[in-house]
Amino acid sequence: MAGDIPCYKVAEDDRFFAFLDINPVNWGHTLVVPRKEVDYIFDLDDEELAAMTVFAKKVAEAIREAIPCRKVGVAVLGLEVPHAHIHLVPLRNEGDMDFSHKISDPDPEKMKQIAAAVSAAFKA
């Protein structure tokens, strides 16, 4: 988490980082990761896991304020990336959480606009 990989950052603090998924299932699909490198979310100690969940809640509140949706879905999955992460997905219906259907070639300008809107709504 040195910041050397370009991303659409939406929120951060000294322990966690949130950014738009580059292969989103819906516009505003965000990943929350700990700065501490850990492969499996349940390898975090209880305090770290609780703090990550509270941070993710704040990000979800920002997503809901910035993007028209009914709720923000949450999922912990992903064997393809060896770093613990939480998915936050704006939902209008349950099909919006279908990870087998991703937005192909998401427009970078739209991604920048979404990231800016969520970032502006984030309250640390």
C-alpha atoms as a PDB file:
ATOM      1  CA  MET A   1       0.000   0.000   0.000  1.00  0.00           C
ATOM      2  CA  ALA A   2       2.830   2.354  -0.859  1.00  0.00           C
ATOM      3  CA  GLY A   3       0.617   4.248  -3.289  1.00  0.00           C
ATOM      4  CA  ASP A   4       2.647   3.282  -6.334  1.00  0.00           C
ATOM      5  CA  ILE A   5      -0.239   1.663  -8.240  1.00  0.00           C
ATOM      6  CA  PRO A   6      -2.592   4.177  -9.879  1.00  0.00           C
ATOM      7  CA  CYS A   7      -6.155   3.970  -8.616  1.00  0.00           C
ATOM      8  CA  TYR A   8      -9.356   5.912  -8.107  1.00  0.00           C
ATOM      9  CA  LYS A   9      -8.984   6.643  -4.386  1.00  0.00           C
ATOM     10  CA  VAL A  10     -12.148   7.517  -2.462  1.00  0.00           C
ATOM     11  CA  ALA A  11     -11.019   7.457   1.201  1.00  0.00           C
ATOM     12  CA  GLU A  12      -8.113   6.673   3.476  1.00  0.00           C
ATOM     13  CA  ASP A  13      -6.824   6.942   6.985  1.00  0.00           C
ATOM     14  CA  ASP A  14      -3.676   5.706   8.681  1.00  0.00           C
ATOM     15  CA  ARG A  15      -4.906   2.073   8.693  1.00  0.00           C
ATOM     16  CA  PHE A  16      -7.258   1.609   5.709  1.00  0.00           C
ATOM     17  CA  PHE A  17      -7.622   2.630   2.092  1.00  0.00           C
ATOM     18  CA  ALA A  18     -10.682   2.631  -0.192  1.00  0.00           C
ATOM     19  CA  PHE A  19     -10.656   2.845  -3.979  1.00  0.00           C
ATOM     20  CA  LEU A  20     -12.912   2.033  -6.920  1.00  0.00           C
ATOM     21  CA  ASP A  21     -12.664  -1.504  -8.266  1.00  0.00           C
ATOM     22  CA  ILE A  22     -11.162  -1.326 -11.788  1.00  0.00           C
ATOM     23  CA  ASN A  23     -13.410  -4.256 -12.800  1.00  0.00           C
ATOM     24  CA  PRO A  24     -16.670  -3.060 -11.222  1.00  0.00           C
ATOM     25  CA  VAL A  25     -19.897  -5.021 -11.095  1.00  0.00           C
ATOM     26  CA  ASN A  26     -21.722  -1.692 -10.783  1.00  0.00           C
ATOM     27  CA  TRP A  27     -20.728   1.973 -10.942  1.00  0.00           C
ATOM     28  CA  GLY A  28     -19.260   2.945  -7.580  1.00  0.00           C
ATOM     29  CA  HIS A  29     -18.068  -0.597  -6.706  1.00  0.00           C
ATOM     30  CA  THR A  30     -15.400   0.118  -4.090  1.00  0.00           C
ATOM     31  CA  LEU A  31     -12.738  -1.974  -2.356  1.00  0.00           C
ATOM     32  CA  VAL A  32     -11.684  -1.367   1.242  1.00  0.00           C
ATOM     33  CA  VAL A  33      -8.278  -2.760   2.208  1.00  0.00           C
ATOM     34  CA  PRO A  34      -6.093  -2.610   5.286  1.00  0.00           C
ATOM     35  CA  ARG A  35      -2.713  -0.940   4.839  1.00  0.00           C
ATOM     36  CA  LYS A  36      -1.276  -3.866   6.768  1.00  0.00           C
ATOM     37  CA  GLU A  37      -0.523  -6.643   4.302  1.00  0.00           C
ATOM     38  CA  VAL A  38      -2.629  -9.666   5.164  1.00  0.00           C
ATOM     39  CA  ASP A  39      -4.019 -12.222   2.737  1.00  0.00           C
ATOM     40  CA  TYR A  40      -7.127 -13.354   4.601  1.00  0.00           C
ATOM     41  CA  ILE A  41      -9.494 -10.920   6.296  1.00  0.00           C
ATOM     42  CA  PHE A  42     -10.026 -13.228   9.268  1.00  0.00           C
ATOM     43  CA  ASP A  43      -6.274 -13.231   9.947  1.00  0.00           C
ATOM     44  CA  LEU A  44      -6.717  -9.657  11.184  1.00  0.00           C
ATOM     45  CA  ASP A  45      -6.973  -9.461  14.957  1.00  0.00           C
ATOM     46  CA  ASP A  46     -10.378  -8.616  16.402  1.00  0.00           C
ATOM     47  CA  GLU A  47      -9.644  -4.916  16.904  1.00  0.00           C
ATOM     48  CA  GLU A  48      -8.301  -4.493  13.350  1.00  0.00           C
ATOM     49  CA  LEU A  49     -11.269  -6.324  11.850  1.00  0.00           C
ATOM     50  CA  ALA A  50     -13.708  -4.205  13.858  1.00  0.00           C
ATOM     51  CA  ALA A  51     -11.920  -0.993  12.826  1.00  0.00           C
ATOM     52  CA  MET A  52     -11.931  -2.075   9.172  1.00  0.00           C
ATOM     53  CA  THR A  53     -15.664  -2.730   9.363  1.00  0.00           C
ATOM     54  CA  VAL A  54     -16.313   0.720  10.861  1.00  0.00           C
ATOM     55  CA  PHE A  55     -14.151   2.334   8.145  1.00  0.00           C
ATOM     56  CA  ALA A  56     -16.064   0.373   5.473  1.00  0.00           C
ATOM     57  CA  LYS A  57     -19.343   1.621   6.998  1.00  0.00           C
ATOM     58  CA  LYS A  58     -18.190   5.234   6.609  1.00  0.00           C
ATOM     59  CA  VAL A  59     -17.210   4.555   2.994  1.00  0.00           C
ATOM     60  CA  ALA A  60     -20.598   2.900   2.366  1.00  0.00           C
ATOM     61  CA  GLU A  61     -22.352   5.975   3.790  1.00  0.00           C
ATOM     62  CA  ALA A  62     -20.355   8.156   1.373  1.00  0.00           C
ATOM     63  CA  ILE A  63     -21.203   5.868  -1.551  1.00  0.00           C
ATOM     64  CA  ARG A  64     -24.901   6.017  -0.676  1.00  0.00           C
ATOM     65  CA  GLU A  65     -24.770   9.807  -0.498  1.00  0.00           C
ATOM     66  CA  ALA A  66     -22.855  10.159  -3.792  1.00  0.00           C
ATOM     67  CA  ILE A  67     -24.537   7.500  -5.941  1.00  0.00           C
ATOM     68  CA  PRO A  68     -28.278   6.950  -6.396  1.00  0.00           C
ATOM     69  CA  CYS A  69     -28.935   3.537  -4.829  1.00  0.00           C
ATOM     70  CA  ARG A  70     -31.233   1.834  -2.341  1.00  0.00           C
ATOM     71  CA  LYS A  71     -28.462   0.279  -0.259  1.00  0.00           C
ATOM     72  CA  VAL A  72     -24.782  -0.567  -0.419  1.00  0.00           C
ATOM     73  CA  GLY A  73     -24.088  -4.277  -0.557  1.00  0.00           C
ATOM     74  CA  VAL A  74     -21.068  -5.762   1.171  1.00  0.00           C
ATOM     75  CA  ALA A  75     -19.123  -8.886   0.281  1.00  0.00           C
ATOM     76  CA  VAL A  76     -15.898 -10.481   1.412  1.00  0.00           C
ATOM     77  CA  LEU A  77     -14.632 -12.740  -1.318  1.00  0.00           C
ATOM     78  CA  GLY A  78     -11.885 -12.882  -3.861  1.00  0.00           C
ATOM     79  CA  LEU A  79      -9.253 -15.517  -4.157  1.00  0.00           C
ATOM     80  CA  GLU A  80      -7.600 -13.700  -7.061  1.00  0.00           C
ATOM     81  CA  VAL A  81      -5.934 -10.987  -4.932  1.00  0.00           C
ATOM     82  CA  PRO A  82      -3.639 -11.950  -2.029  1.00  0.00           C
ATOM     83  CA  HIS A  83      -4.703  -8.980   0.099  1.00  0.00           C
ATOM     84  CA  ALA A  84      -7.731  -8.854   2.399  1.00  0.00           C
ATOM     85  CA  HIS A  85     -10.505  -6.647   1.061  1.00  0.00           C
ATOM     86  CA  ILE A  86     -14.172  -5.785   1.438  1.00  0.00           C
ATOM     87  CA  HIS A  87     -16.345  -5.089  -1.616  1.00  0.00           C
ATOM     88  CA  LEU A  88     -18.926  -2.292  -1.334  1.00  0.00           C
ATOM     89  CA  VAL A  89     -21.426  -2.198  -4.214  1.00  0.00           C
ATOM     90  CA  PRO A  90     -24.220   0.344  -4.713  1.00  0.00           C
ATOM     91  CA  LEU A  91     -27.492  -1.563  -5.119  1.00  0.00           C
ATOM     92  CA  ARG A  92     -30.714  -0.729  -6.841  1.00  0.00           C
ATOM     93  CA  ASN A  93     -31.610  -4.442  -6.974  1.00  0.00           C
ATOM     94  CA  GLU A  94     -29.977  -7.691  -5.864  1.00  0.00           C
ATOM     95  CA  GLY A  95     -28.685  -8.405  -9.373  1.00  0.00           C
ATOM     96  CA  ASP A  96     -26.261  -5.506  -8.900  1.00  0.00           C
ATOM     97  CA  MET A  97     -24.119  -7.849  -6.731  1.00  0.00           C
ATOM     98  CA  ASP A  98     -23.612 -10.391  -9.530  1.00  0.00           C
ATOM     99  CA  PHE A  99     -19.832 -10.722  -9.695  1.00  0.00           C
ATOM    100  CA  SER A 100     -20.055 -12.730 -12.927  1.00  0.00           C
ATOM    101  CA  HIS A 101     -21.275  -9.616 -14.774  1.00  0.00           C
ATOM    102  CA  LYS A 102     -18.762  -6.794 -14.716  1.00  0.00           C
ATOM    103  CA  ILE A 103     -18.800  -3.458 -16.504  1.00  0.00           C
ATOM    104  CA  SER A 104     -16.550  -3.991 -19.484  1.00  0.00           C
ATOM    105  CA  ASP A 105     -13.945  -1.308 -20.098  1.00  0.00           C
ATOM    106  CA  PRO A 106     -15.270   1.281 -17.603  1.00  0.00           C
ATOM    107  CA  ASP A 107     -14.903   4.875 -18.789  1.00  0.00           C
ATOM    108  CA  PRO A 108     -11.947   6.479 -16.922  1.00  0.00           C
ATOM    109  CA  GLU A 109     -13.623   9.892 -16.854  1.00  0.00           C
ATOM    110  CA  LYS A 110     -16.770   8.456 -15.267  1.00  0.00           C
ATOM    111  CA  MET A 111     -14.589   6.570 -12.747  1.00  0.00           C
ATOM    112  CA  LYS A 112     -12.811   9.847 -11.827  1.00  0.00           C
ATOM    113  CA  GLN A 113     -16.146  11.608 -11.359  1.00  0.00           C
ATOM    114  CA  ILE A 114     -17.504   8.818  -9.146  1.00  0.00           C
ATOM    115  CA  ALA A 115     -14.312   8.715  -7.066  1.00  0.00           C
ATOM    116  CA  ALA A 116     -14.450  12.485  -6.582  1.00  0.00           C
ATOM    117  CA  ALA A 117     -18.118  12.384  -5.551  1.00  0.00           C
ATOM    118  CA  VAL A 118     -17.606   9.573  -3.034  1.00  0.00           C
ATOM    119  CA  SER A 119     -14.440  11.209  -1.699  1.00  0.00           C
ATOM    120  CA  ALA A 120     -16.283  14.512  -1.199  1.00  0.00           C
ATOM    121  CA  ALA A 121     -19.053  12.705   0.712  1.00  0.00           C
ATOM    122  CA  PHE A 122     -16.646  10.734   2.934  1.00  0.00           C
ATOM    123  CA  LYS A 123     -16.612  11.816   6.561  1.00  0.00           C
ATOM    124  CA  ALA A 124     -13.619  10.491   8.501  1.00  0.00           C
END
